[in-house]
Protein backbone atom coordinates (compact mmCIF):
# COMPACT_ATOMS: atom_id res chain seq x y z
CA MET A 1 -40.75 0.27 -8.83
CA THR A 2 -37.15 1.38 -8.85
CA ASP A 3 -34.10 -0.26 -10.40
CA ILE A 4 -30.44 0.41 -9.71
CA TYR A 5 -28.16 -0.48 -12.61
CA ILE A 6 -24.67 -1.32 -11.31
CA ARG A 7 -22.05 -0.97 -14.02
CA ALA A 8 -18.25 -1.15 -13.93
CA ASN A 9 -17.95 2.57 -13.05
CA THR A 10 -20.73 2.61 -10.43
CA THR A 11 -19.14 3.28 -7.03
CA THR A 12 -20.26 1.86 -3.70
CA ASP A 13 -21.27 5.38 -2.69
CA ASP A 14 -23.49 5.64 -5.80
CA ILE A 15 -25.30 2.46 -4.77
CA ARG A 16 -25.86 3.76 -1.25
CA ARG A 17 -27.31 7.04 -2.52
CA GLN A 18 -29.67 5.32 -4.95
CA LEU A 19 -30.88 2.88 -2.29
CA SER A 20 -32.34 5.87 -0.43
CA ASP A 21 -35.04 5.99 -3.14
CA PHE A 22 -36.27 2.51 -2.17
CA GLY A 23 -39.19 2.23 0.22
CA TRP A 24 -38.35 1.48 3.86
CA PHE A 25 -40.15 -1.89 3.87
CA SER A 26 -39.61 -2.82 0.24
CA GLN A 27 -37.66 -5.96 -0.54
CA VAL A 28 -34.63 -5.92 -2.84
CA GLU A 29 -33.85 -8.60 -5.37
CA ALA A 30 -30.90 -8.78 -7.73
CA ARG A 31 -30.52 -10.05 -11.27
CA VAL A 32 -27.81 -10.19 -13.90
CA GLU A 33 -28.53 -8.49 -17.24
CA GLN A 34 -26.64 -8.06 -20.49
CA LYS A 35 -27.14 -5.18 -22.89
CA ALA A 36 -24.89 -4.06 -25.74
CA GLN A 37 -22.24 -6.65 -24.76
CA GLU A 38 -22.13 -5.25 -21.22
CA ASN A 39 -22.86 -7.37 -18.16
CA PHE A 40 -24.27 -5.51 -15.20
CA ILE A 41 -26.29 -6.27 -12.09
CA VAL A 42 -29.66 -4.74 -11.34
CA LEU A 43 -31.08 -4.20 -7.86
CA HIS A 44 -34.86 -4.25 -8.19
CA GLU A 45 -37.29 -2.81 -5.64
CA VAL A 46 -40.11 -5.22 -4.79
CA LYS A 47 -42.92 -3.31 -3.12
CA LEU A 48 -45.70 -4.83 -1.02
CA GLY A 49 -48.16 -4.96 -3.93
CA GLU A 50 -45.79 -6.93 -6.14
CA ARG A 51 -44.95 -9.30 -3.26
CA LEU A 52 -48.67 -10.03 -2.74
CA ARG A 53 -49.19 -10.57 -6.48
CA ARG A 54 -46.31 -13.04 -6.62
CA PHE A 55 -47.63 -14.86 -3.57
CA VAL A 56 -50.98 -15.37 -5.28
CA LEU A 57 -49.85 -16.08 -8.84
CA GLN A 58 -46.59 -17.98 -8.32
CA SER A 59 -45.96 -21.39 -6.82
CA ARG A 60 -43.67 -21.95 -3.85
CA GLU A 61 -41.08 -23.48 -6.21
CA GLN A 62 -41.14 -20.41 -8.47
CA ARG A 63 -40.66 -18.04 -5.54
CA ASP A 64 -37.79 -20.14 -4.17
CA GLU A 65 -36.12 -20.19 -7.58
CA SER A 66 -36.35 -16.37 -7.75
CA LEU A 67 -34.74 -16.09 -4.32
CA GLN A 68 -31.90 -18.40 -5.35
CA LYS A 69 -31.26 -16.37 -8.52
CA SER A 70 -31.30 -13.14 -6.52
CA ARG A 71 -28.81 -14.50 -4.00
CA GLY A 72 -26.60 -15.70 -6.85
CA ALA A 73 -26.63 -12.23 -8.41
CA LEU A 74 -25.71 -10.60 -5.07
CA ASN A 75 -22.86 -13.09 -4.69
CA ALA A 76 -21.67 -12.17 -8.18
CA LEU A 77 -21.86 -8.50 -7.25
CA ALA A 78 -19.78 -9.07 -4.11
CA ASP A 79 -17.25 -11.11 -6.10
CA ARG A 80 -16.79 -8.28 -8.59
CA ARG A 81 -16.68 -5.44 -6.05
CA PRO A 82 -14.15 -5.88 -3.19
CA ARG A 83 -15.67 -3.06 -1.12
CA LEU A 84 -19.14 -4.60 -1.28
CA SER A 85 -17.66 -7.99 -0.40
CA GLU A 86 -16.13 -6.44 2.75
CA LEU A 87 -19.40 -4.80 3.77
CA PHE A 88 -21.57 -7.86 3.07
CA GLY A 89 -19.23 -10.31 4.79
CA LYS A 90 -20.74 -13.77 5.12
CA SER A 91 -24.30 -12.44 5.18
CA VAL A 92 -24.41 -12.38 1.37
CA GLN A 93 -24.00 -16.17 1.39
CA HIS A 94 -26.44 -17.01 4.17
CA LYS A 95 -29.27 -14.50 3.78
CA HIS A 96 -31.98 -15.13 1.18
CA VAL A 97 -34.32 -12.14 1.53
CA TRP A 98 -33.21 -8.50 1.91
CA THR A 99 -35.35 -5.49 2.73
CA ALA A 100 -34.18 -2.10 1.49
CA ASN A 101 -33.59 -1.02 5.08
CA GLU A 102 -31.45 -4.08 5.82
CA LEU A 103 -29.37 -3.55 2.68
CA ARG A 104 -28.85 0.12 3.51
CA LYS A 105 -27.61 -0.80 6.98
CA VAL A 106 -25.21 -3.44 5.65
CA LEU A 107 -23.77 -0.98 3.14
CA THR A 108 -23.50 1.85 5.68
CA SER A 109 -20.14 3.56 5.33
CA PRO A 110 -17.89 5.04 8.04
CA LEU A 111 -17.98 8.18 5.87
CA SER A 112 -21.16 9.27 7.66
CA GLN A 113 -19.89 8.59 11.18
CA LEU A 114 -18.48 12.04 11.96
CA GLY A 115 -19.12 13.61 15.35
CA LEU A 116 -18.56 17.07 16.80
CA ASP A 117 -15.73 17.48 19.30
CA LYS A 118 -16.50 18.72 22.83
CA THR A 119 -16.19 22.36 21.78
CA HIS A 120 -18.55 21.82 18.79
CA LYS A 121 -15.98 23.58 16.60
CA GLY A 122 -14.79 20.66 14.52
CA LEU A 123 -15.57 17.14 13.35
CA ILE A 124 -14.02 14.11 14.97
CA VAL A 125 -13.15 11.41 12.45
CA PRO A 126 -13.27 7.90 13.92
CA ALA A 127 -10.02 6.02 13.36
CA ALA A 128 -10.50 3.57 10.51
CA GLU A 129 -10.56 -0.13 11.22
CA ASN A 130 -8.39 -0.82 8.21
CA ASP A 131 -4.77 0.13 8.85
CA GLN A 132 -5.68 3.57 10.19
CA VAL A 133 -6.51 5.22 6.85
CA GLY A 134 -9.92 6.86 6.86
CA ILE A 135 -12.06 8.80 4.40
CA ALA A 136 -14.12 11.80 5.49
CA ASN A 137 -16.79 13.21 3.20
CA THR A 138 -16.12 16.75 4.39
CA LYS A 139 -13.55 19.54 4.10
CA ILE A 140 -10.11 19.66 5.71
CA ALA A 141 -11.00 22.83 7.63
CA ASP A 142 -13.91 21.06 9.38
CA ILE A 143 -11.83 18.19 10.79
CA VAL A 144 -10.01 18.16 14.12
CA ALA A 145 -6.47 16.86 13.55
CA ASP A 146 -2.83 17.25 14.60
CA ALA A 147 -1.66 18.24 11.12
CA LYS A 148 -3.33 19.42 7.91
CA VAL A 149 -1.80 19.35 4.42
CA ILE A 150 -2.41 22.28 2.07
CA TRP A 151 -1.55 22.07 -1.65
CA ASN A 152 -0.27 25.34 -3.14
CA LEU A 153 0.07 25.88 -6.88
CA LYS A 154 3.55 26.62 -8.24
CA PRO A 155 5.12 27.04 -11.68
CA ALA A 156 5.88 23.67 -13.25
CA GLU A 157 9.65 24.25 -13.33
CA VAL A 158 9.97 24.88 -9.56
CA THR A 159 10.84 21.87 -7.39
CA VAL A 160 8.51 20.79 -4.59
CA ALA A 161 8.89 22.94 -1.50
CA MET A 162 7.24 22.57 1.88
CA LYS A 163 6.55 25.09 4.62
CA GLN A 164 5.28 24.43 8.13
CA ARG A 165 3.46 26.72 10.52
CA THR A 166 1.32 26.32 13.61
CA VAL A 167 -2.25 27.60 13.48
CA ASN A 168 -4.77 28.26 16.26
CA ALA A 169 -8.25 27.87 14.83
CA PRO A 170 -9.93 26.50 16.93
CA GLN A 171 -7.17 24.21 18.22
CA THR A 172 -3.44 24.12 17.65
CA TYR A 173 -2.40 22.05 14.66
CA LYS A 174 0.52 22.00 12.25
CA GLU A 175 -0.14 23.22 8.74
CA LEU A 176 1.99 21.52 6.09
CA ALA A 177 1.94 23.64 2.91
CA VAL A 178 3.33 21.78 -0.12
CA ALA A 179 3.78 23.33 -3.56
CA VAL A 180 2.62 21.34 -6.60
CA SER A 181 2.18 22.25 -10.26
CA SER A 182 -1.18 22.77 -11.92
CA LYS A 183 -0.58 19.68 -14.08
CA PRO A 184 1.21 17.30 -11.70
CA THR A 185 2.75 14.06 -12.93
CA PRO A 186 2.36 10.83 -10.93
CA ASP A 187 6.00 11.10 -9.79
CA GLU A 188 5.49 14.69 -8.61
CA MET A 189 2.36 13.72 -6.70
CA ARG A 190 4.14 10.78 -5.09
CA THR A 191 7.00 13.06 -3.98
CA ALA A 192 4.56 15.65 -2.61
CA TYR A 193 2.64 13.03 -0.61
CA ARG A 194 5.86 11.56 0.78
CA ASP A 195 7.22 14.97 1.80
CA ALA A 196 4.00 15.98 3.55
CA LEU A 197 3.37 12.72 5.40
CA SER A 198 7.01 12.13 6.35
CA ASN A 199 6.96 15.41 8.30
CA ALA A 200 3.60 14.83 9.98
CA THR A 201 2.93 13.50 13.46
CA GLY A 202 -0.24 12.18 15.07
CA HIS A 203 -3.44 12.39 13.03
CA VAL A 204 -2.93 14.09 9.66
CA VAL A 205 -5.65 15.19 7.21
CA LEU A 206 -5.13 15.80 3.52
CA ALA A 207 -7.03 15.93 0.25
CA PRO A 208 -5.99 14.19 -2.97
CA ILE A 209 -4.01 16.33 -5.41
CA GLN A 210 -6.26 17.37 -8.30
CA ASP A 211 -4.86 16.22 -11.66
CA ILE A 212 -7.90 16.66 -13.93
CA GLU A 213 -8.71 20.17 -15.12
CA VAL A 214 -12.29 21.34 -14.58
CA SER A 215 -13.54 24.60 -16.08
CA GLY A 216 -14.69 27.36 -13.78
CA ASN A 217 -18.14 27.42 -15.40
CA ILE A 218 -18.71 23.73 -14.64
CA ILE A 219 -17.56 24.23 -11.04
CA ILE A 220 -20.03 27.11 -10.58
CA GLU A 221 -22.87 25.14 -12.22
CA THR A 222 -22.14 22.12 -10.01
CA GLN A 223 -22.06 24.24 -6.85
CA ASN A 224 -25.42 25.76 -7.82
CA GLY A 225 -26.93 22.37 -8.61
CA LEU A 226 -27.27 23.13 -12.32
CA HIS A 227 -24.84 20.51 -13.63
CA GLN A 228 -26.32 17.07 -14.17
CA GLY A 229 -24.26 14.02 -13.20
CA ASP A 230 -20.85 13.93 -11.58
CA ILE A 231 -17.48 15.14 -12.79
CA GLN A 232 -14.03 13.85 -11.91
CA CYS A 233 -11.30 16.04 -10.44
CA CYS A 234 -8.85 13.22 -9.65
CA SER A 235 -7.91 10.26 -11.83
CA ASP A 236 -7.86 6.70 -10.53
CA GLU A 237 -4.10 6.72 -11.13
CA SER A 238 -3.57 9.75 -8.87
CA LEU A 239 -5.76 8.27 -6.12
CA THR A 240 -3.80 5.01 -6.29
CA VAL A 241 -0.55 7.00 -5.96
CA LEU A 242 -1.99 8.62 -2.82
CA LEU A 243 -2.94 5.29 -1.21
CA GLU A 244 0.44 3.78 -2.10
CA ALA A 245 2.31 6.77 -0.66
CA ILE A 246 0.31 6.57 2.59
CA ASP A 247 1.11 2.87 3.01
CA GLU A 248 4.79 3.51 2.24
CA VAL A 249 5.21 6.40 4.69
CA LYS A 250 3.27 4.67 7.46
CA GLN A 251 5.88 1.93 7.53
CA LYS A 252 8.67 4.48 8.06
CA ASN A 253 7.13 7.33 10.07
CA THR A 254 6.19 5.76 13.41
CA MET A 255 4.96 9.14 14.70
CA LEU A 256 2.14 9.08 12.14
CA THR A 257 -0.79 7.51 13.99
CA ALA A 258 -3.67 8.01 11.53
CA VAL A 259 -4.37 9.49 8.10
CA THR A 260 -7.72 10.88 6.94
CA ILE A 261 -8.45 11.72 3.32
CA ALA A 262 -10.89 14.66 3.05
CA THR A 263 -12.95 14.53 -0.14
CA LYS A 264 -15.09 17.69 -0.12
CA GLU A 265 -12.31 20.03 -1.25
CA TYR A 266 -13.53 19.53 -4.84
CA VAL A 267 -16.94 19.45 -6.53
CA GLU A 268 -16.69 15.74 -7.37
CA LYS A 269 -19.55 14.06 -5.48
CA GLY A 270 -18.38 10.47 -5.88
CA LEU A 271 -14.75 10.99 -4.86
CA ALA A 272 -15.15 9.37 -1.43
CA GLY A 273 -16.82 6.30 -2.90
CA ARG A 274 -14.13 5.93 -5.56
CA ILE A 275 -11.38 5.99 -2.94
CA GLU A 276 -13.28 3.43 -0.86
CA ASP A 277 -13.48 1.10 -3.84
CA LEU A 278 -9.80 1.56 -4.71
CA GLN A 279 -8.83 0.82 -1.09
CA ALA A 280 -10.84 -2.38 -1.11
CA ALA A 281 -9.34 -3.49 -4.43
CA ARG A 282 -5.82 -2.91 -3.06
CA ARG A 283 -6.60 -4.90 0.07
CA LEU A 284 -7.89 -7.76 -2.07
CA LYS A 285 -4.71 -7.69 -4.15
CA ALA A 286 -2.61 -7.70 -0.97
CA GLU A 287 -4.50 -10.78 0.24
CA GLU A 288 -3.90 -12.64 -2.99
CA SER A 289 -0.15 -12.13 -2.87
CA PRO A 290 1.56 -14.07 -1.44
CA VAL A 291 -1.40 -15.88 0.17
CA LYS A 292 -4.65 -16.35 -1.73
CA SER A 293 -6.88 -17.95 0.85
CA GLU A 294 -10.19 -17.40 2.58
CA ARG A 295 -9.12 -19.63 5.46
CA GLY A 296 -10.02 -18.12 8.80
CA ARG A 297 -12.19 -15.31 7.44
CA PHE A 298 -14.10 -13.81 10.36
CA TYR A 299 -16.96 -11.33 9.97
CA PRO A 300 -19.25 -11.53 13.03
CA THR A 301 -22.92 -10.93 12.30
CA HIS A 302 -23.86 -7.38 13.38
CA GLY A 303 -20.37 -7.10 14.90
CA ARG A 304 -19.19 -3.90 16.53
CA GLN A 305 -15.97 -2.37 15.28
CA ALA A 306 -13.00 -2.79 17.62
CA PRO A 307 -11.45 0.55 18.67
CA GLY A 308 -9.22 1.93 15.93
CA ILE A 309 -7.23 4.40 18.05
CA ALA A 310 -3.65 3.23 18.44
CA GLY A 311 -2.79 1.71 21.84
CA ILE A 312 -4.30 -0.79 24.26
CA HIS A 313 -8.01 -1.12 25.08
CA PHE A 314 -10.00 -3.30 27.50
CA LEU A 315 -13.50 -4.33 26.44
CA THR A 316 -16.28 -6.20 28.25
CA ASN A 317 -17.53 -7.61 24.91
CA SER A 318 -17.16 -11.16 23.72
CA PRO A 319 -14.30 -11.33 21.18
CA PHE A 320 -16.74 -13.01 18.78
CA GLU A 321 -18.95 -9.91 18.55
CA LEU A 322 -16.14 -7.55 17.53
CA GLN A 323 -14.90 -6.89 13.99
CA ALA A 324 -11.15 -6.35 13.73
CA SER A 325 -8.27 -6.86 11.33
CA ARG A 326 -7.21 -9.90 13.37
CA THR A 327 -8.96 -11.71 16.23
CA ILE A 328 -6.72 -13.94 18.39
CA VAL A 329 -8.41 -16.64 20.49
CA PRO A 330 -7.26 -19.93 22.05
CA LEU A 331 -7.15 -22.85 19.62
CA SER A 332 -9.40 -24.94 21.88
CA LEU A 333 -12.07 -22.22 21.87
CA ALA A 334 -12.01 -21.77 18.07
CA GLN A 335 -12.38 -25.54 17.63
CA SER A 336 -15.16 -25.92 20.20
CA LYS A 337 -17.22 -23.19 18.49
CA GLY A 338 -16.57 -24.62 15.04
CA TYR A 339 -14.88 -21.52 13.59
CA ALA A 340 -12.44 -21.74 10.70
CA TYR A 341 -9.09 -20.26 11.72
CA VAL A 342 -5.48 -19.60 10.78
CA ASN A 343 -2.90 -21.24 13.02
CA GLU A 344 -0.54 -18.84 14.77
CA ARG A 345 2.50 -20.30 13.00
CA ASP A 346 1.01 -19.27 9.61
CA VAL A 347 0.37 -15.62 10.52
CA THR A 348 3.72 -14.36 9.21
CA ALA A 349 2.71 -15.49 5.69
CA LEU A 350 -0.35 -13.22 5.70
CA PRO A 351 -0.16 -9.70 4.20
CA GLN A 352 0.06 -6.90 6.76
CA LEU A 353 -3.00 -5.18 5.27
CA ASP A 354 -5.04 -8.37 5.56
CA ARG A 355 -8.26 -7.98 7.56
CA GLY A 356 -11.09 -10.00 9.06
CA ARG A 357 -9.10 -13.07 10.06
CA LEU A 358 -9.45 -15.39 13.09
CA ILE A 359 -6.09 -16.51 14.52
CA ALA A 360 -5.89 -19.59 16.76
CA PHE A 361 -3.32 -19.39 19.58
CA GLY A 362 -2.22 -22.90 20.55
CA ASP A 363 -3.12 -23.25 24.24
CA ARG A 364 -2.34 -26.91 24.84
CA LEU A 365 1.24 -26.23 25.99
CA ILE A 366 0.65 -23.38 28.41
CA ASP A 367 0.76 -25.66 31.45
CA GLN A 368 3.82 -27.60 30.26
CA VAL A 369 7.40 -27.04 31.38
CA ASN A 370 8.61 -26.96 27.77
CA GLY A 371 6.76 -24.22 25.91
CA GLY A 372 4.64 -22.98 28.80
CA GLY A 373 7.10 -20.64 30.52
CA PRO A 374 6.34 -16.91 30.76
CA GLU A 375 9.17 -16.03 28.37
CA ASP A 376 7.89 -18.47 25.75
CA PHE A 377 4.34 -17.21 26.26
CA GLY A 378 5.32 -13.56 25.82
CA GLU A 379 7.58 -14.30 22.85
CA ARG A 380 4.74 -16.01 21.00
CA PHE A 381 2.58 -12.89 21.32
CA SER A 382 5.52 -10.73 20.22
CA GLN A 383 5.86 -12.84 17.09
CA LEU A 384 2.11 -12.72 16.44
CA LEU A 385 1.93 -8.93 16.64
CA GLN A 386 5.09 -8.32 14.65
CA ASN A 387 3.37 -8.56 11.26
CA MET A 388 0.11 -6.85 12.19
CA ALA A 389 -1.34 -3.39 11.61
CA GLY A 390 -4.75 -1.91 12.33
CA THR A 391 -7.06 -3.41 14.94
CA VAL A 392 -6.34 -6.61 16.87
CA VAL A 393 -8.65 -8.29 19.40
CA ILE A 394 -7.17 -10.74 21.92
CA TYR A 395 -8.96 -13.27 24.12
CA PRO A 396 -6.17 -14.89 26.21
CA PRO A 397 -6.32 -18.56 27.25
CA PRO A 398 -8.42 -18.68 30.47
CA LEU A 399 -5.92 -21.15 32.04
CA ALA A 400 -2.96 -18.80 31.65
CA ASN A 401 -1.36 -18.00 35.01
CA GLU A 402 -0.34 -14.64 36.45
CA GLU A 403 3.23 -14.70 35.12
CA GLN A 404 2.14 -15.73 31.64
CA LEU A 405 -0.46 -12.95 31.47
CA GLN A 406 2.11 -10.39 32.61
CA ALA A 407 4.54 -11.58 29.93
CA MET A 408 1.77 -11.30 27.35
CA MET A 409 0.94 -7.76 28.52
CA SER A 410 4.59 -6.73 28.28
CA ALA A 411 4.73 -8.08 24.73
CA VAL A 412 1.59 -6.14 23.76
CA ILE A 413 2.85 -2.90 25.36
CA ASP A 414 6.16 -3.23 23.51
CA ALA A 415 4.38 -3.95 20.21
CA CYS A 416 2.16 -0.87 20.55
CA ASP A 417 5.15 1.31 21.47
CA THR A 418 7.05 0.07 18.43
CA ASN A 419 4.15 0.14 15.97
CA ARG A 420 2.04 3.30 16.26
CA LEU A 421 -0.40 1.86 13.70
CA LEU A 422 -1.45 -0.92 16.06
CA SER A 423 -4.58 -0.98 18.20
CA VAL A 424 -4.92 -3.98 20.56
CA SER A 425 -8.14 -4.71 22.48
CA PHE A 426 -8.44 -7.36 25.18
CA ALA A 427 -12.04 -8.59 25.12
CA THR A 428 -13.78 -10.89 27.60
CA GLU A 429 -17.16 -11.13 29.30
CA ALA A 430 -15.77 -13.13 32.25
CA VAL A 431 -15.31 -10.98 35.36
CA ASN A 432 -12.58 -13.20 36.85
CA GLN A 433 -10.61 -13.05 33.61
CA ARG A 434 -10.94 -9.26 33.52
CA ASP A 435 -9.59 -9.06 37.06
CA ALA A 436 -6.61 -11.24 36.10
CA LEU A 437 -5.87 -9.14 33.02
CA THR A 438 -6.15 -5.92 35.04
CA GLU A 439 -3.61 -7.20 37.56
CA ALA A 440 -1.30 -8.35 34.75
CA TYR A 441 -1.52 -4.96 33.05
CA ALA A 442 -0.79 -3.11 36.28
CA ALA A 443 2.16 -5.42 37.04
CA ALA A 444 3.59 -5.01 33.53
CA LYS A 445 3.31 -1.22 33.73
CA GLU A 446 4.87 -1.19 37.19
CA ALA A 447 7.75 -3.37 35.99
CA ARG A 448 8.39 -0.97 33.11
CA GLN A 449 8.24 1.97 35.51
CA GLY A 450 10.87 0.34 37.73
CA ALA A 451 13.12 -0.40 34.77
CA GLN A 452 12.90 3.19 33.55
CA GLU A 453 13.70 4.61 36.97
CA LEU A 454 17.01 2.72 36.78
CA ASP A 455 17.71 4.28 33.39
CA ILE A 456 18.64 7.92 33.96
CA ASP A 457 18.21 8.72 30.25
CA ALA A 458 14.73 7.25 29.96
CA ASP A 459 11.54 9.29 29.94
CA PRO A 460 9.32 8.59 32.95
CA GLU A 461 6.49 6.15 32.30
CA GLU A 462 2.96 7.45 32.77
CA ALA A 463 1.34 6.60 36.09
CA ILE A 464 -0.66 3.38 36.47
CA ILE A 465 -4.16 4.13 35.20
CA ASP A 466 -7.35 4.01 37.26
CA VAL A 467 -8.35 0.34 36.92
CA ALA A 468 -11.95 1.18 37.84
CA LYS A 469 -12.27 2.99 34.51
CA LEU A 470 -10.21 0.50 32.52
CA TRP A 471 -12.92 -1.82 31.14
CA LYS A 472 -15.53 -0.47 28.74
CA LYS A 473 -18.20 -1.73 26.36
CA ALA A 474 -17.49 -1.29 22.65
């Protein structure tokens, strides 16, 4: 039997790694323990033999009581650890029995979802679902990107300087070389991050700046597998400075479409997991101020991630099987399915980094003279998207007419042009609705093309896309 002891400094990545020691078909139960004035949670492996013994020796009431205690401990774990709460979603509240395989799948991280590009010369990092900041458990050199940040050591008295050059290996990308001292202060790190990211375009990759000294002997021992345990190369304070700087620059640099943090530049094994946990804690804090509410939380069971690449996407999925930062559906549909939701008029009060929320779009006025006109319809979507970042899924009201859908499309196109951190996916399983949305998209693009042709200073709009290849399955 195997136990995993989850303490305050145990990262989500640590838990995932230790779960690999559990048997494929073993069950996992949780309990709360206290030792030496420390409360921690234990994940206990229950193998087949122990399950059979309990079935014979324990009553049904005793087994049910154990399941309830285990579920309570998992709930406590999710409450304490924001990242685990995100990964569990509502399943931690509704599911009584977990196998080790099921728990591993639930806690699967995007860190492992790296794929080779078509030339097999670099790794493609999937755009993160959360505000376009991803973590890759690999080295900067192995990632395909538009820009890569390199930290160069400098004497402490020299001010931060940055150089740029274009490299061809194996594809063209911009190298942003920034000088930092060997013992950087938080202010120096913040300035270095700002300088690098403010000058980047497209997808940029960088590693955290190391602020904890590690001896050469320990580095060599760790690389050779001789050093037991993990060592830290970056403090929590420095990692928080990095995440804050990314959020700050993203709001100002609209040419920055995605940021990936590479964590294999140093020997610290748990760096990726620590950043994941810090990200989740920051998102939780953002939710609690100014709005502390679970109203409208939406985590579809076994949901697929909505596309994270900035721009507009068309999916043949149901909107209720996709996980996104925000999911917008008609109010009548949310009510008929019994989902909790946030009304569209309350969206502006939600934090921009908020995620996993169902938004109800009032559809009772769309056929009325007052409030149902195309301009009103489009303006409502403009207002909805104004305070959003990351991934958004939209299921338009089925009764919307051609002009209303075109106005909605124009609003979405404008929002994506203005906010390069926004990814909007239209999702519907209905063929007739897909046809209507395709026509509305083509009409909106054509209208923009005509307007730009009248503007001699405007750049030409891209040609209308092949509608036959427009709709895809997520």
